[in-house]
Amino acid sequence: MSRAFIFPGQGAQTIGMGQALAEAYPAARAVFEEVDAALGENLSGLIWSGDIAELTLTANAQPALMATSIAALRALETEGVLLDSAAFVAGHSLGEYSALAASGALSVADAARLLRVRGRAMQDAVPVGVGAMAAVLGLDLAAVSAVADEAAQGEVCQAANDNDPAQVVVSGHKAAVERAVEIAKARGAKRALLLPVSAPFHCALMQPAAEAMQAALAEVTLHAPRVPLVSNVRASAVSDPEEIRALLIAQVTGAVRWRESVTWMADQGVTEFWEIGAGKALSGMVKRIARGALTQNVATPQDIAALAA
């Protein structure tokens, strides 16, 4: 039985995430301490007892979610379930950095610093109110791509996240995304709604952030991951560090090909997907993509005790 470890993206953050892990496992607490030291601030305090609006800011949410995922993984490893038991690692958007930190391609400290840069750069790339994202439910990628093309009218409007067979997110200029919502509804979408996000991620408007990440990634040492990474941009496995570096830059403006990534892993024989860290969104997507695949959430000491047993 082959398994993949998958790591959540933005939107999964909650106040208190990872706190029980840190209290139960010294190895998990050490991850939060390492991230706090790397950023020179008490991010763990914000995660465990701060304000959700502040935690949800992109520059905070990204390193916070990575820290929570790696803490969960360290706790799992304490109980004898090792990363090397997985055939692949993959992450949704920022989760790709968690996957790389998990597999030893990036240090946890470097991942935290890169995600802080990435979060700020993505936020700063587009003035607030200029961009938007919307989820379209009930239409597939081809149909939503056609909707986005029609809605663009000279502005940016792109399919940004191909999440599962019936959920595709579009991103771009606010007016174009609003047009896409109306066109999608007219074309039979079950629902189409604007998302409460602070910037239009994974579209051409993020080019300034891609340039910031190119500069930041040039300063960082990347190793070959211990377990192959299934890349968001490519939707197949990659292990070469320089290729991974280039794909992380391309990921900022490129689509998250999550449906194809899960399908590819299932085609390689993966039958279990363990979601490491906060939330359960990826597990829900996996169930809609790879029918019959087993999903496990690894977020609490109880989850870990059950899996270790």
Protein backbone atom coordinates (compact mmCIF):
# COMPACT_ATOMS: atom_id res chain seq x y z
CA MET A 1 0.00 0.00 0.00
CA SER A 2 1.67 3.17 -1.22
CA ARG A 3 1.10 6.51 0.51
CA ALA A 4 1.74 10.19 -0.15
CA PHE A 5 2.18 12.93 2.44
CA ILE A 6 0.32 16.09 1.36
CA PHE A 7 0.57 19.54 2.92
CA PRO A 8 -2.22 22.16 3.09
CA GLY A 9 -2.25 25.68 1.68
CA GLN A 10 -3.66 29.02 2.73
CA GLY A 11 -7.13 29.06 4.23
CA ALA A 12 -6.50 26.18 6.65
CA GLN A 13 -5.20 28.47 9.42
CA THR A 14 -6.92 28.56 12.81
CA ILE A 15 -5.96 30.06 16.15
CA GLY A 16 -4.50 27.31 18.33
CA MET A 17 -3.34 25.05 15.50
CA GLY A 18 -0.38 22.92 16.48
CA GLN A 19 -0.48 23.95 20.16
CA ALA A 20 -1.52 20.53 21.45
CA LEU A 21 1.24 18.95 19.35
CA ALA A 22 3.82 21.33 20.83
CA GLU A 23 2.62 20.54 24.35
CA ALA A 24 2.70 16.76 23.76
CA TYR A 25 5.89 16.45 21.70
CA PRO A 26 9.19 18.29 22.33
CA ALA A 27 10.13 17.71 18.66
CA ALA A 28 7.00 19.58 17.56
CA ARG A 29 7.66 22.46 19.97
CA ALA A 30 11.21 22.72 18.60
CA VAL A 31 9.80 23.42 15.11
CA PHE A 32 7.81 26.42 16.34
CA GLU A 33 10.88 27.67 18.25
CA GLU A 34 13.00 27.31 15.09
CA VAL A 35 10.49 29.29 13.03
CA ASP A 36 10.24 32.02 15.69
CA ALA A 37 14.04 32.31 15.70
CA ALA A 38 14.26 32.36 11.89
CA LEU A 39 11.74 35.22 11.66
CA GLY A 40 12.98 37.03 14.77
CA GLU A 41 9.49 37.23 16.24
CA ASN A 42 6.97 35.29 18.34
CA LEU A 43 4.91 33.83 15.49
CA SER A 44 3.93 30.87 17.69
CA GLY A 45 2.29 33.30 20.11
CA LEU A 46 0.18 34.70 17.26
CA ILE A 47 -0.72 31.17 16.09
CA TRP A 48 -1.79 29.94 19.52
CA SER A 49 -3.42 32.96 21.14
CA GLY A 50 -3.46 35.82 18.64
CA ASP A 51 -6.06 37.48 16.42
CA ILE A 52 -7.36 35.42 13.48
CA ALA A 53 -7.38 38.50 11.21
CA GLU A 54 -3.66 39.01 11.88
CA LEU A 55 -2.88 35.31 11.45
CA THR A 56 -4.79 35.30 8.14
CA LEU A 57 -2.53 38.01 6.68
CA THR A 58 -0.67 36.23 3.89
CA ALA A 59 2.79 37.03 5.31
CA ASN A 60 1.81 35.36 8.62
CA ALA A 61 -0.42 32.54 7.41
CA GLN A 62 2.18 31.07 5.06
CA PRO A 63 5.03 30.44 7.56
CA ALA A 64 2.47 29.58 10.28
CA LEU A 65 0.90 26.79 8.23
CA MET A 66 4.31 25.43 7.27
CA ALA A 67 5.40 25.39 10.94
CA THR A 68 2.22 23.53 11.94
CA SER A 69 2.69 20.94 9.19
CA ILE A 70 6.33 20.25 10.07
CA ALA A 71 5.47 20.08 13.78
CA ALA A 72 2.84 17.42 12.98
CA LEU A 73 5.37 15.51 10.90
CA ARG A 74 7.99 15.62 13.70
CA ALA A 75 5.40 14.31 16.16
CA LEU A 76 4.53 11.51 13.74
CA GLU A 77 8.22 10.65 13.40
CA THR A 78 8.57 10.57 17.21
CA GLU A 79 6.00 7.75 17.13
CA GLY A 80 8.04 5.86 14.54
CA VAL A 81 6.15 6.77 11.35
CA LEU A 82 8.87 8.21 9.13
CA LEU A 83 8.67 10.41 6.04
CA ASP A 84 10.49 7.67 4.13
CA SER A 85 7.33 5.56 4.42
CA ALA A 86 5.83 7.88 1.77
CA ALA A 87 6.34 7.42 -1.97
CA PHE A 88 5.79 11.12 -2.70
CA VAL A 89 5.30 14.49 -1.00
CA ALA A 90 3.14 17.27 -2.41
CA GLY A 91 1.66 20.53 -1.16
CA HIS A 92 -1.03 22.95 -2.27
CA SER A 93 0.61 26.28 -3.19
CA LEU A 94 2.51 27.32 -0.01
CA GLY A 95 2.20 23.66 1.04
CA GLU A 96 4.87 22.89 -1.54
CA TYR A 97 7.38 24.65 0.76
CA SER A 98 6.14 22.51 3.68
CA ALA A 99 6.66 19.41 1.52
CA LEU A 100 10.20 20.53 0.68
CA ALA A 101 11.02 21.25 4.33
CA ALA A 102 9.54 17.85 5.29
CA SER A 103 11.72 16.06 2.75
CA GLY A 104 14.94 17.87 3.71
CA ALA A 105 15.21 19.84 0.47
CA LEU A 106 14.89 23.09 2.47
CA SER A 107 15.74 23.79 6.09
CA VAL A 108 12.75 24.76 8.23
CA ALA A 109 14.37 28.14 8.89
CA ASP A 110 14.88 28.82 5.18
CA ALA A 111 11.31 27.71 4.41
CA ALA A 112 9.98 30.13 7.06
CA ARG A 113 12.02 33.05 5.71
CA LEU A 114 11.09 32.27 2.09
CA LEU A 115 7.39 32.08 2.96
CA ARG A 116 7.56 35.40 4.78
CA VAL A 117 9.08 36.96 1.62
CA ARG A 118 6.56 35.14 -0.57
CA GLY A 119 3.60 36.25 1.52
CA ARG A 120 4.67 39.89 1.55
CA ALA A 121 5.58 39.88 -2.14
CA MET A 122 2.25 38.32 -3.16
CA GLN A 123 0.38 40.85 -1.02
CA ASP A 124 2.36 43.79 -2.40
CA ALA A 125 2.20 42.73 -6.07
CA VAL A 126 -1.32 44.08 -6.57
CA PRO A 127 -2.95 47.01 -4.71
CA VAL A 128 -5.83 45.95 -2.45
CA GLY A 129 -9.11 45.96 -4.36
CA VAL A 130 -7.54 45.67 -7.83
CA GLY A 131 -7.49 41.86 -7.93
CA ALA A 132 -9.84 39.06 -6.89
CA MET A 133 -10.30 35.29 -6.92
CA ALA A 134 -13.49 33.27 -7.33
CA ALA A 135 -14.35 29.60 -6.93
CA VAL A 136 -16.42 27.95 -9.66
CA LEU A 137 -18.20 24.75 -8.59
CA GLY A 138 -19.68 22.24 -11.01
CA LEU A 139 -17.62 23.05 -14.12
CA ASP A 140 -14.37 21.34 -15.12
CA LEU A 141 -11.04 22.97 -15.99
CA ALA A 142 -11.73 23.24 -19.73
CA ALA A 143 -15.10 24.91 -19.14
CA VAL A 144 -13.71 27.33 -16.54
CA SER A 145 -10.71 28.19 -18.75
CA ALA A 146 -13.16 29.12 -21.51
CA VAL A 147 -15.15 31.24 -19.03
CA ALA A 148 -11.95 33.02 -17.93
CA ASP A 149 -10.93 33.72 -21.55
CA GLU A 150 -14.33 35.25 -22.29
CA ALA A 151 -14.35 37.27 -19.08
CA ALA A 152 -10.86 38.75 -19.54
CA GLN A 153 -11.75 41.44 -22.11
CA GLY A 154 -8.18 42.70 -22.16
CA GLU A 155 -7.66 42.23 -18.41
CA VAL A 156 -6.09 39.26 -16.59
CA CYS A 157 -8.43 36.36 -15.79
CA GLN A 158 -6.98 32.86 -15.48
CA ALA A 159 -7.79 29.46 -14.04
CA ALA A 160 -5.51 29.55 -10.99
CA ASN A 161 -6.30 26.41 -8.93
CA ASP A 162 -7.58 23.22 -10.54
CA ASN A 163 -8.57 21.73 -7.20
CA ASP A 164 -10.79 18.77 -8.10
CA PRO A 165 -13.14 17.67 -10.89
CA ALA A 166 -15.83 20.14 -9.84
CA GLN A 167 -13.90 23.03 -8.28
CA VAL A 168 -11.71 25.44 -10.22
CA VAL A 169 -10.60 28.86 -8.91
CA VAL A 170 -10.10 31.84 -11.23
CA SER A 171 -7.81 34.77 -10.47
CA GLY A 172 -7.11 38.16 -11.98
CA HIS A 173 -8.40 41.72 -12.20
CA LYS A 174 -11.46 42.18 -9.97
CA ALA A 175 -13.83 43.30 -12.73
CA ALA A 176 -12.78 40.40 -14.95
CA VAL A 177 -13.23 37.88 -12.12
CA GLU A 178 -16.69 39.34 -11.39
CA ARG A 179 -17.56 38.89 -15.08
CA ALA A 180 -16.31 35.30 -14.87
CA VAL A 181 -18.66 34.60 -11.95
CA GLU A 182 -21.67 35.73 -14.00
CA ILE A 183 -20.58 33.87 -17.15
CA ALA A 184 -19.96 30.68 -15.15
CA LYS A 185 -23.43 30.84 -13.62
CA ALA A 186 -24.94 31.32 -17.08
CA ARG A 187 -23.01 28.26 -18.30
CA GLY A 188 -24.41 26.00 -15.63
CA ALA A 189 -22.03 26.27 -12.69
CA LYS A 190 -23.64 25.03 -9.47
CA ARG A 191 -22.07 27.97 -7.66
CA ALA A 192 -19.63 30.73 -8.46
CA LEU A 193 -18.53 33.06 -5.71
CA LEU A 194 -15.80 35.56 -4.91
CA LEU A 195 -13.32 34.31 -2.29
CA PRO A 196 -12.28 36.31 0.80
CA VAL A 197 -8.62 36.58 -0.24
CA SER A 198 -6.34 39.58 -0.08
CA ALA A 199 -4.72 39.23 -3.51
CA PRO A 200 -5.16 37.44 -6.87
CA PHE A 201 -2.77 34.52 -6.43
CA HIS A 202 -1.41 32.25 -9.21
CA CYS A 203 -2.02 34.54 -12.16
CA ALA A 204 0.03 36.90 -14.32
CA LEU A 205 -0.61 39.82 -11.91
CA MET A 206 1.79 38.07 -9.48
CA GLN A 207 4.82 38.66 -11.75
CA PRO A 208 6.43 41.15 -9.28
CA ALA A 209 6.17 38.45 -6.58
CA ALA A 210 7.74 35.88 -8.91
CA GLU A 211 10.70 38.23 -9.37
CA ALA A 212 11.00 38.68 -5.59
CA MET A 213 10.99 34.90 -5.14
CA GLN A 214 13.61 34.45 -7.84
CA ALA A 215 15.92 36.76 -5.86
CA ALA A 216 15.10 35.13 -2.51
CA LEU A 217 15.49 31.55 -3.80
CA ALA A 218 18.87 32.43 -5.35
CA GLU A 219 20.19 32.95 -1.80
CA VAL A 220 19.03 29.58 -0.46
CA THR A 221 20.60 26.11 -0.60
CA LEU A 222 18.24 23.47 -1.99
CA HIS A 223 19.00 19.75 -1.66
CA ALA A 224 17.45 16.82 -3.48
CA PRO A 225 14.35 15.82 -1.47
CA ARG A 226 14.54 12.46 0.36
CA VAL A 227 11.12 11.69 -1.14
CA PRO A 228 10.23 12.97 -4.64
CA LEU A 229 8.12 16.16 -4.79
CA VAL A 230 5.03 16.22 -7.02
CA SER A 231 5.18 19.78 -8.30
CA ASN A 232 2.14 22.09 -8.53
CA VAL A 233 3.31 23.45 -11.87
CA ARG A 234 4.21 20.14 -13.48
CA ALA A 235 1.79 17.70 -11.78
CA SER A 236 4.51 15.01 -11.75
CA ALA A 237 7.53 14.14 -9.61
CA VAL A 238 10.75 16.14 -9.52
CA SER A 239 13.92 15.66 -7.46
CA ASP A 240 16.55 17.89 -9.08
CA PRO A 241 17.20 20.92 -6.81
CA GLU A 242 17.68 23.43 -9.65
CA GLU A 243 14.51 22.24 -11.35
CA ILE A 244 12.64 22.62 -8.06
CA ARG A 245 14.01 26.17 -7.69
CA ALA A 246 12.74 27.11 -11.16
CA LEU A 247 9.34 25.50 -10.50
CA LEU A 248 8.93 27.43 -7.20
CA ILE A 249 9.40 30.67 -9.15
CA ALA A 250 6.99 29.56 -11.90
CA GLN A 251 4.45 28.52 -9.25
CA VAL A 252 3.83 32.14 -8.17
CA THR A 253 2.18 33.05 -11.49
CA GLY A 254 1.32 29.51 -12.61
CA ALA A 255 -1.74 27.40 -11.88
CA VAL A 256 -1.87 24.92 -8.99
CA ARG A 257 -2.57 21.66 -10.85
CA TRP A 258 -3.83 19.80 -7.79
CA ARG A 259 -6.38 17.54 -9.52
CA GLU A 260 -3.74 16.38 -12.00
CA SER A 261 -1.15 15.95 -9.24
CA VAL A 262 -3.40 13.65 -7.21
CA THR A 263 -4.42 11.74 -10.36
CA TRP A 264 -0.74 11.30 -11.26
CA MET A 265 0.09 9.95 -7.78
CA ALA A 266 -2.87 7.56 -7.91
CA ASP A 267 -1.67 6.38 -11.32
CA GLN A 268 1.72 5.61 -9.71
CA GLY A 269 -0.04 3.33 -7.23
CA VAL A 270 -0.65 5.71 -4.30
CA THR A 271 -3.71 4.52 -2.38
CA GLU A 272 -3.35 6.55 0.86
CA PHE A 273 -3.03 10.31 1.20
CA TRP A 274 -2.01 11.67 4.61
CA GLU A 275 -2.80 15.38 5.07
CA ILE A 276 -0.11 16.69 7.41
CA GLY A 277 -1.07 19.84 9.35
CA ALA A 278 -4.08 22.11 9.70
CA GLY A 279 -7.46 21.57 8.09
CA LYS A 280 -9.06 18.86 5.98
CA ALA A 281 -9.56 20.63 2.63
CA LEU A 282 -7.05 18.52 0.70
CA SER A 283 -8.54 15.27 1.98
CA GLY A 284 -11.93 16.34 0.63
CA MET A 285 -10.38 17.13 -2.75
CA VAL A 286 -8.54 13.80 -2.85
CA LYS A 287 -11.79 11.90 -2.25
CA ARG A 288 -13.38 13.67 -5.22
CA ILE A 289 -10.35 13.03 -7.46
CA ALA A 290 -9.12 9.51 -6.59
CA ARG A 291 -12.26 7.52 -5.80
CA GLY A 292 -11.52 4.83 -3.27
CA ALA A 293 -8.29 6.38 -2.00
CA LEU A 294 -7.90 6.46 1.77
CA THR A 295 -7.25 9.80 3.48
CA GLN A 296 -5.82 10.44 6.94
CA ASN A 297 -5.53 13.74 8.79
CA VAL A 298 -2.42 14.30 10.89
CA ALA A 299 -3.14 17.38 12.97
CA THR A 300 -3.57 16.42 16.64
CA PRO A 301 -1.91 14.12 19.20
CA GLN A 302 -5.02 11.93 18.92
CA ASP A 303 -4.58 11.58 15.13
CA ILE A 304 -0.95 10.62 15.62
CA ALA A 305 -1.62 8.11 18.40
CA ALA A 306 -4.24 6.41 16.19
CA LEU A 307 -1.88 6.21 13.21
CA ALA A 308 1.04 4.98 15.31
CA ALA A 309 -1.15 2.25 16.78
